[in-house]
């Protein structure tokens, strides 16, 4: 199989879809790898590093798309790439279709097969390809929140962990999944007073055994969120509904009860955001203000640490890439139910019910 890796062009996206170790693994079992020139530079990977492992370096994204049977990416194709998508081609990347109707329509129209990293799901409900990026995004959410609480950055001017004699910041985290848990680890490790909310009581009981004493675990409901919003210096949105748009948890009116100069980091923005006033931002212009509250809504947070992110992503995607390449798409998804759940669009038909539901489009169960 010919596997192609184009250079990422989303604003601020510094990751690349494969590390040299992945090239070596694919090449060793007879596959061809095409990589667009300079694709790995922002992850500190040189073209020569790929060539040493057997990849062919090509000059343009068009050449990658024209020749490859399987395209590996990090982020969703952008409008300028839509015309490059073609029938009988597999695209394997983070799509987040439910937050992007134009992308969904373009993928359907192209006739391609779209496998979304974020909906590959194990029998126990784990999302193995999303997990490492969620870990990074969660840790960085607290890190970025702490930065924008600084007065020169527009925030209240409060140190997350405080000092002896001065209280630490109050951090409210909505969602106790991978993102929320990692955000709580970093915020609590810095000394903040953390409230971690979730609707899953079983999950909260589990976290009660492993979280430090400065993390309070609370059931999530409107009343509890409203109480904690009044106290919060930093709010982290970490809500996920698999394959669907994130629900709105905080409305614009609710911002009025927050402290001036407080900060919201909406990690759920990839799936549309869980704050009504959220809209996507980039590393070039990461924040804006609504009702005196700083909003940080970067859609590709892990791109800020691309060396860590690229290698973490390759670690988890490579086994699935090898399955597709070695067995072919049909046999791979028949034999691996987790991979089958990742198929959002197959030959121009939407095969993920929540994607179809998001836009009132037709849903077709995956049939191969």
Protein backbone atom coordinates (compact mmCIF):
# COMPACT_ATOMS: atom_id res chain seq x y z
CA UNK A 1 0.00 0.00 0.00
CA UNK A 2 1.13 3.57 -0.67
CA UNK A 3 0.83 5.70 2.46
CA UNK A 4 1.02 9.48 2.21
CA UNK A 5 1.74 12.11 4.84
CA UNK A 6 1.08 15.71 3.77
CA UNK A 7 2.36 18.72 5.66
CA UNK A 8 -0.20 20.10 8.13
CA UNK A 9 -1.47 23.53 7.10
CA UNK A 10 -3.90 24.41 9.88
CA UNK A 11 -2.89 27.65 11.61
CA UNK A 12 -0.40 26.86 14.37
CA UNK A 13 -0.37 23.13 13.66
CA UNK A 14 3.18 21.91 14.25
CA UNK A 15 2.62 18.17 14.51
CA UNK A 16 3.13 15.57 11.80
CA UNK A 17 1.23 12.31 11.40
CA UNK A 18 4.17 9.93 11.60
CA UNK A 19 7.58 9.68 13.27
CA UNK A 20 10.60 8.06 11.57
CA UNK A 21 10.04 4.93 13.66
CA UNK A 22 6.62 4.56 12.03
CA UNK A 23 8.14 4.86 8.56
CA UNK A 24 10.62 2.13 9.44
CA UNK A 25 7.87 -0.21 10.66
CA UNK A 26 5.76 0.28 7.52
CA UNK A 27 8.70 0.03 5.15
CA UNK A 28 9.90 -3.20 6.79
CA UNK A 29 6.70 -4.98 5.76
CA UNK A 30 6.77 -3.77 2.17
CA UNK A 31 4.76 -0.55 2.09
CA UNK A 32 5.72 2.70 0.33
CA UNK A 33 5.68 5.98 2.23
CA UNK A 34 5.40 9.41 0.61
CA UNK A 35 6.05 12.44 2.80
CA UNK A 36 5.67 16.04 1.73
CA UNK A 37 8.89 18.00 2.00
CA UNK A 38 9.25 19.76 5.36
CA UNK A 39 6.29 17.97 6.96
CA UNK A 40 8.21 17.10 10.10
CA UNK A 41 10.32 20.23 10.57
CA UNK A 42 8.14 21.80 13.27
CA UNK A 43 8.34 18.54 15.21
CA UNK A 44 12.14 18.65 14.90
CA UNK A 45 12.12 15.82 12.33
CA UNK A 46 14.21 16.44 9.20
CA UNK A 47 13.39 15.11 5.73
CA UNK A 48 16.67 13.22 5.95
CA UNK A 49 15.43 11.43 9.09
CA UNK A 50 12.51 10.06 7.09
CA UNK A 51 14.65 9.21 4.06
CA UNK A 52 16.99 7.16 6.23
CA UNK A 53 14.06 4.93 7.14
CA UNK A 54 12.97 4.49 3.52
CA UNK A 55 10.41 7.26 2.90
CA UNK A 56 10.25 9.15 -0.39
CA UNK A 57 10.11 12.93 -0.04
CA UNK A 58 7.82 14.72 -2.51
CA UNK A 59 7.36 18.42 -3.13
CA UNK A 60 3.61 18.97 -2.89
CA UNK A 61 0.51 17.91 -1.03
CA UNK A 62 -1.15 17.25 -4.40
CA UNK A 63 1.45 14.62 -5.23
CA UNK A 64 0.85 12.94 -1.87
CA UNK A 65 -2.94 12.88 -2.34
CA UNK A 66 -2.74 11.84 -6.00
CA UNK A 67 -0.56 8.79 -5.36
CA UNK A 68 -1.43 7.54 -1.86
CA UNK A 69 -4.03 4.88 -1.05
CA UNK A 70 -4.01 5.89 2.62
CA UNK A 71 -3.51 9.46 3.82
CA UNK A 72 -2.33 10.01 7.39
CA UNK A 73 -2.89 13.42 8.93
CA UNK A 74 -3.12 15.04 12.33
CA UNK A 75 -5.93 17.56 11.79
CA UNK A 76 -8.92 17.63 9.49
CA UNK A 77 -8.50 18.65 5.83
CA UNK A 78 -9.06 22.37 5.31
CA UNK A 79 -11.17 23.82 2.45
CA UNK A 80 -8.13 24.16 0.16
CA UNK A 81 -7.57 20.42 0.57
CA UNK A 82 -11.16 19.33 -0.11
CA UNK A 83 -10.56 19.13 -3.85
CA UNK A 84 -7.65 16.74 -3.21
CA UNK A 85 -9.85 14.12 -1.55
CA UNK A 86 -10.86 11.33 -3.91
CA UNK A 87 -12.93 8.19 -4.18
CA UNK A 88 -11.40 4.90 -3.01
CA UNK A 89 -8.91 6.79 -0.81
CA UNK A 90 -8.73 6.38 2.96
CA UNK A 91 -8.12 9.46 5.12
CA UNK A 92 -7.08 8.70 8.72
CA UNK A 93 -6.95 11.75 11.01
CA UNK A 94 -8.73 13.77 13.69
CA UNK A 95 -11.89 14.87 11.87
CA UNK A 96 -14.36 16.08 14.54
CA UNK A 97 -17.06 16.04 11.87
CA UNK A 98 -19.90 16.88 14.25
CA UNK A 99 -18.51 20.41 14.66
CA UNK A 100 -17.95 21.05 10.95
CA UNK A 101 -20.76 20.69 8.41
CA UNK A 102 -18.78 21.91 5.39
CA UNK A 103 -16.05 19.32 6.04
CA UNK A 104 -18.69 16.59 6.40
CA UNK A 105 -20.33 17.58 3.14
CA UNK A 106 -16.97 17.75 1.33
CA UNK A 107 -15.92 14.31 2.56
CA UNK A 108 -19.29 12.82 1.52
CA UNK A 109 -19.09 14.46 -1.91
CA UNK A 110 -15.55 13.22 -2.52
CA UNK A 111 -16.53 9.57 -2.03
CA UNK A 112 -13.53 8.99 0.24
CA UNK A 113 -13.44 6.80 3.32
CA UNK A 114 -12.86 8.85 6.48
CA UNK A 115 -11.61 7.19 9.64
CA UNK A 116 -11.60 9.54 12.63
CA UNK A 117 -8.98 9.00 15.31
CA UNK A 118 -11.36 10.38 17.93
CA UNK A 119 -14.06 7.72 17.41
CA UNK A 120 -11.88 4.60 17.32
CA UNK A 121 -13.24 2.94 20.44
CA UNK A 122 -12.27 -0.16 22.41
CA UNK A 123 -14.81 -2.53 23.93
CA UNK A 124 -14.38 -0.91 27.36
CA UNK A 125 -15.24 2.53 25.93
CA UNK A 126 -11.66 3.79 25.82
CA UNK A 127 -10.68 6.04 22.91
CA UNK A 128 -7.07 4.91 22.38
CA UNK A 129 -6.12 7.39 19.64
CA UNK A 130 -7.66 10.37 21.39
CA UNK A 131 -6.23 9.56 24.82
CA UNK A 132 -2.62 10.81 24.45
CA UNK A 133 -3.73 14.07 22.84
CA UNK A 134 -6.34 14.51 25.58
CA UNK A 135 -3.66 13.93 28.20
CA UNK A 136 -1.52 16.64 26.64
CA UNK A 137 -4.44 19.04 26.12
CA UNK A 138 -5.56 18.60 29.72
CA UNK A 139 -2.13 19.30 31.15
CA UNK A 140 -1.67 22.29 28.87
CA UNK A 141 -5.13 23.65 29.73
CA UNK A 142 -4.00 24.31 33.30
CA UNK A 143 -0.65 25.59 32.07
CA UNK A 144 -2.24 28.03 29.59
CA UNK A 145 -4.92 29.03 32.09
CA UNK A 146 -2.24 29.90 34.64
CA UNK A 147 -0.46 32.05 32.05
CA UNK A 148 -3.56 34.02 31.04
CA UNK A 149 -4.46 34.68 34.67
CA UNK A 150 -1.37 36.89 34.75
CA UNK A 151 -2.20 40.62 34.62
CA UNK A 152 0.01 41.40 31.57
CA UNK A 153 -1.95 38.70 29.69
CA UNK A 154 -5.28 40.32 30.57
CA UNK A 155 -6.16 38.13 33.55
CA UNK A 156 -6.95 38.86 37.20
CA UNK A 157 -3.32 38.75 38.25
CA UNK A 158 -3.51 35.70 40.48
CA UNK A 159 -0.91 32.96 40.93
CA UNK A 160 -2.48 29.53 40.50
CA UNK A 161 -0.85 28.07 43.60
CA UNK A 162 -0.80 31.17 45.80
CA UNK A 163 1.90 31.61 48.47
CA UNK A 164 1.91 31.19 52.25
CA UNK A 165 -0.51 33.76 53.62
CA UNK A 166 -2.33 34.27 50.30
CA UNK A 167 -5.02 31.90 49.02
CA UNK A 168 -4.44 29.91 45.81
CA UNK A 169 -6.60 30.29 42.73
CA UNK A 170 -9.95 28.50 42.44
CA UNK A 171 -10.07 26.18 39.43
CA UNK A 172 -13.33 24.70 38.11
CA UNK A 173 -13.03 21.75 35.71
CA UNK A 174 -16.10 20.54 33.84
CA UNK A 175 -15.73 16.89 32.91
CA UNK A 176 -13.65 14.22 34.66
CA UNK A 177 -12.52 12.27 31.61
CA UNK A 178 -8.93 12.16 30.34
CA UNK A 179 -8.72 15.92 29.69
CA UNK A 180 -10.29 16.92 32.98
CA UNK A 181 -8.28 14.45 35.04
CA UNK A 182 -4.98 15.63 33.58
CA UNK A 183 -5.97 19.27 33.98
CA UNK A 184 -6.75 18.56 37.64
CA UNK A 185 -3.39 16.82 38.15
CA UNK A 186 -1.46 19.85 36.90
CA UNK A 187 -3.62 22.50 38.60
CA UNK A 188 -3.56 20.67 41.92
CA UNK A 189 0.14 19.98 41.56
CA UNK A 190 0.73 23.72 41.27
CA UNK A 191 -1.23 24.19 44.49
CA UNK A 192 -4.58 25.46 43.20
CA UNK A 193 -7.89 24.67 44.86
CA UNK A 194 -9.60 22.48 42.29
CA UNK A 195 -13.27 21.51 41.86
CA UNK A 196 -13.69 18.65 39.37
CA UNK A 197 -17.27 18.06 38.20
CA UNK A 198 -18.79 15.16 36.28
CA UNK A 199 -22.18 13.48 35.82
CA UNK A 200 -20.66 10.01 36.36
CA UNK A 201 -20.65 9.20 40.07
CA UNK A 202 -18.72 5.97 39.53
CA UNK A 203 -15.94 7.95 37.86
CA UNK A 204 -15.87 10.44 40.74
CA UNK A 205 -15.58 7.60 43.27
CA UNK A 206 -12.62 6.19 41.38
CA UNK A 207 -10.89 9.57 41.22
CA UNK A 208 -11.50 10.10 44.93
CA UNK A 209 -8.93 7.36 45.58
CA UNK A 210 -6.19 8.88 43.44
CA UNK A 211 -6.60 12.66 43.52
CA UNK A 212 -4.82 14.83 46.10
CA UNK A 213 -6.74 16.52 48.89
CA UNK A 214 -6.89 19.90 47.14
CA UNK A 215 -9.21 18.38 44.48
CA UNK A 216 -12.89 18.34 45.40
CA UNK A 217 -15.02 15.93 43.38
CA UNK A 218 -18.60 17.04 42.76
CA UNK A 219 -21.58 15.84 40.75
CA UNK A 220 -22.22 18.14 37.81
CA UNK A 221 -25.56 19.96 37.63
CA UNK A 222 -26.73 23.50 36.93
CA UNK A 223 -26.90 24.45 40.62
CA UNK A 224 -23.39 23.18 41.39
CA UNK A 225 -21.88 24.80 38.32
CA UNK A 226 -23.50 28.15 39.15
CA UNK A 227 -22.14 28.06 42.70
CA UNK A 228 -18.62 27.24 41.57
CA UNK A 229 -18.61 29.77 38.72
CA UNK A 230 -18.90 32.60 41.26
CA UNK A 231 -15.71 31.42 42.97
CA UNK A 232 -13.69 30.37 39.92
CA UNK A 233 -10.58 32.14 38.70
CA UNK A 234 -10.02 29.53 35.98
CA UNK A 235 -12.66 27.35 34.28
CA UNK A 236 -11.61 24.43 32.07
CA UNK A 237 -14.22 22.93 29.73
CA UNK A 238 -13.44 19.24 29.26
CA UNK A 239 -16.79 17.81 28.18
CA UNK A 240 -16.92 15.06 25.56
CA UNK A 241 -19.80 13.20 23.93
CA UNK A 242 -18.24 10.60 21.63
CA UNK A 243 -18.67 11.56 17.99
CA UNK A 244 -21.18 14.31 18.75
CA UNK A 245 -21.11 18.05 19.31
CA UNK A 246 -20.25 19.01 22.88
CA UNK A 247 -23.27 20.17 24.91
CA UNK A 248 -23.42 23.79 26.10
CA UNK A 249 -22.75 23.79 29.85
CA UNK A 250 -22.14 27.51 30.46
CA UNK A 251 -24.34 30.14 28.79
CA UNK A 252 -23.44 33.75 28.04
CA UNK A 253 -25.67 34.97 30.89
CA UNK A 254 -23.75 32.78 33.33
CA UNK A 255 -20.53 34.67 32.55
CA UNK A 256 -21.97 37.69 34.36
CA UNK A 257 -21.55 35.97 37.73
CA UNK A 258 -17.86 35.29 37.11
CA UNK A 259 -15.03 37.45 38.40
CA UNK A 260 -13.66 40.10 36.00
CA UNK A 261 -10.36 38.89 34.58
CA UNK A 262 -11.12 35.22 35.16
CA UNK A 263 -10.16 32.76 32.41
CA UNK A 264 -12.00 30.03 30.50
CA UNK A 265 -10.05 27.37 28.61
CA UNK A 266 -12.53 25.46 26.44
CA UNK A 267 -10.77 22.24 25.44
CA UNK A 268 -14.10 20.97 24.07
CA UNK A 269 -13.83 23.49 21.22
CA UNK A 270 -12.71 20.74 18.80
CA UNK A 271 -16.23 19.33 19.18
CA UNK A 272 -17.94 22.74 19.04
CA UNK A 273 -17.22 23.92 22.60
CA UNK A 274 -19.11 23.55 25.89
CA UNK A 275 -19.28 27.32 26.54
CA UNK A 276 -21.91 29.26 24.58
CA UNK A 277 -19.52 32.15 23.97
CA UNK A 278 -16.67 29.96 22.71
CA UNK A 279 -15.46 30.12 19.14
CA UNK A 280 -12.31 28.57 17.65
CA UNK A 281 -9.01 30.42 18.03
CA UNK A 282 -5.43 29.66 17.05
CA UNK A 283 -1.99 30.08 18.56
CA UNK A 284 -1.59 33.29 16.51
CA UNK A 285 -4.51 34.89 18.35
CA UNK A 286 -5.50 32.52 21.16
CA UNK A 287 -7.75 34.62 23.38
CA UNK A 288 -10.64 37.08 23.34
CA UNK A 289 -12.86 38.64 26.01
CA UNK A 290 -16.59 38.33 26.61
CA UNK A 291 -18.30 39.88 29.68
CA UNK A 292 -14.87 40.58 31.18
CA UNK A 293 -13.88 36.89 30.97
CA UNK A 294 -10.82 35.80 28.98
CA UNK A 295 -11.64 32.92 26.57
CA UNK A 296 -8.86 30.58 25.37
CA UNK A 297 -10.28 28.34 22.61
CA UNK A 298 -7.32 27.04 20.59
CA UNK A 299 -8.54 24.07 18.56
CA UNK A 300 -5.24 22.22 18.43
CA UNK A 301 -3.73 22.73 21.88
CA UNK A 302 -1.25 19.78 21.65
CA UNK A 303 0.33 21.48 18.61
CA UNK A 304 2.07 23.76 21.11
CA UNK A 305 4.32 20.85 22.13
CA UNK A 306 4.74 19.08 18.79
CA UNK A 307 7.75 16.94 19.67
CA UNK A 308 5.87 15.33 22.54
CA UNK A 309 2.59 15.18 20.60
CA UNK A 310 3.94 13.72 17.34
CA UNK A 311 5.69 10.82 19.03
CA UNK A 312 2.76 10.19 21.38
CA UNK A 313 0.38 10.10 18.41
CA UNK A 314 2.56 7.74 16.36
CA UNK A 315 2.78 5.38 19.34
CA UNK A 316 -0.98 4.82 19.27
CA UNK A 317 -1.90 5.20 15.58
CA UNK A 318 0.81 2.99 14.08
CA UNK A 319 -0.73 -0.40 15.06
CA UNK A 320 -3.99 0.61 13.32
CA UNK A 321 -2.14 1.95 10.27
CA UNK A 322 -0.28 -1.36 10.00
CA UNK A 323 -3.56 -3.28 10.20
CA UNK A 324 -5.10 -1.26 7.37
CA UNK A 325 -1.96 -1.43 5.24
CA UNK A 326 -1.30 -5.14 5.78
CA UNK A 327 -4.86 -6.47 5.58
CA UNK A 328 -6.56 -3.87 3.43
CA UNK A 329 -9.40 -1.67 4.64
CA UNK A 330 -12.21 -4.24 4.38
CA UNK A 331 -10.51 -7.03 6.34
CA UNK A 332 -9.03 -4.61 8.88
CA UNK A 333 -12.39 -3.16 9.90
CA UNK A 334 -14.12 -6.56 9.80
CA UNK A 335 -11.54 -8.01 12.18
CA UNK A 336 -11.16 -4.99 14.46
CA UNK A 337 -14.42 -3.56 15.90
CA UNK A 338 -12.56 -0.62 17.45
CA UNK A 339 -11.32 0.45 14.02
CA UNK A 340 -14.78 -0.06 12.52
CA UNK A 341 -16.17 2.45 15.03
CA UNK A 342 -13.68 4.97 13.70
CA UNK A 343 -15.21 4.87 10.21
CA UNK A 344 -17.33 8.03 10.02
CA UNK A 345 -17.79 8.13 6.24
CA UNK A 346 -17.49 5.21 3.82
CA UNK A 347 -17.51 5.85 0.10
CA UNK A 348 -19.62 8.94 0.40
CA UNK A 349 -22.05 7.69 3.06
CA UNK A 350 -22.12 8.80 6.71
CA UNK A 351 -21.61 5.73 8.86
CA UNK A 352 -21.48 7.35 12.29
CA UNK A 353 -24.97 8.04 13.70
CA UNK A 354 -24.00 11.10 15.76
CA UNK A 355 -22.35 12.80 12.79
CA UNK A 356 -25.50 12.31 10.72
CA UNK A 357 -27.66 13.44 13.64
CA UNK A 358 -25.64 16.63 14.11
CA UNK A 359 -26.65 17.94 10.68
CA UNK A 360 -29.89 16.07 9.97
CA UNK A 361 -28.15 14.08 7.23
CA UNK A 362 -28.72 10.48 6.15
CA UNK A 363 -27.08 7.72 8.17
CA UNK A 364 -26.00 4.40 6.62
CA UNK A 365 -24.69 1.58 8.85
CA UNK A 366 -21.22 0.44 7.77
CA UNK A 367 -21.52 -2.43 5.27
CA UNK A 368 -18.48 -3.83 3.49
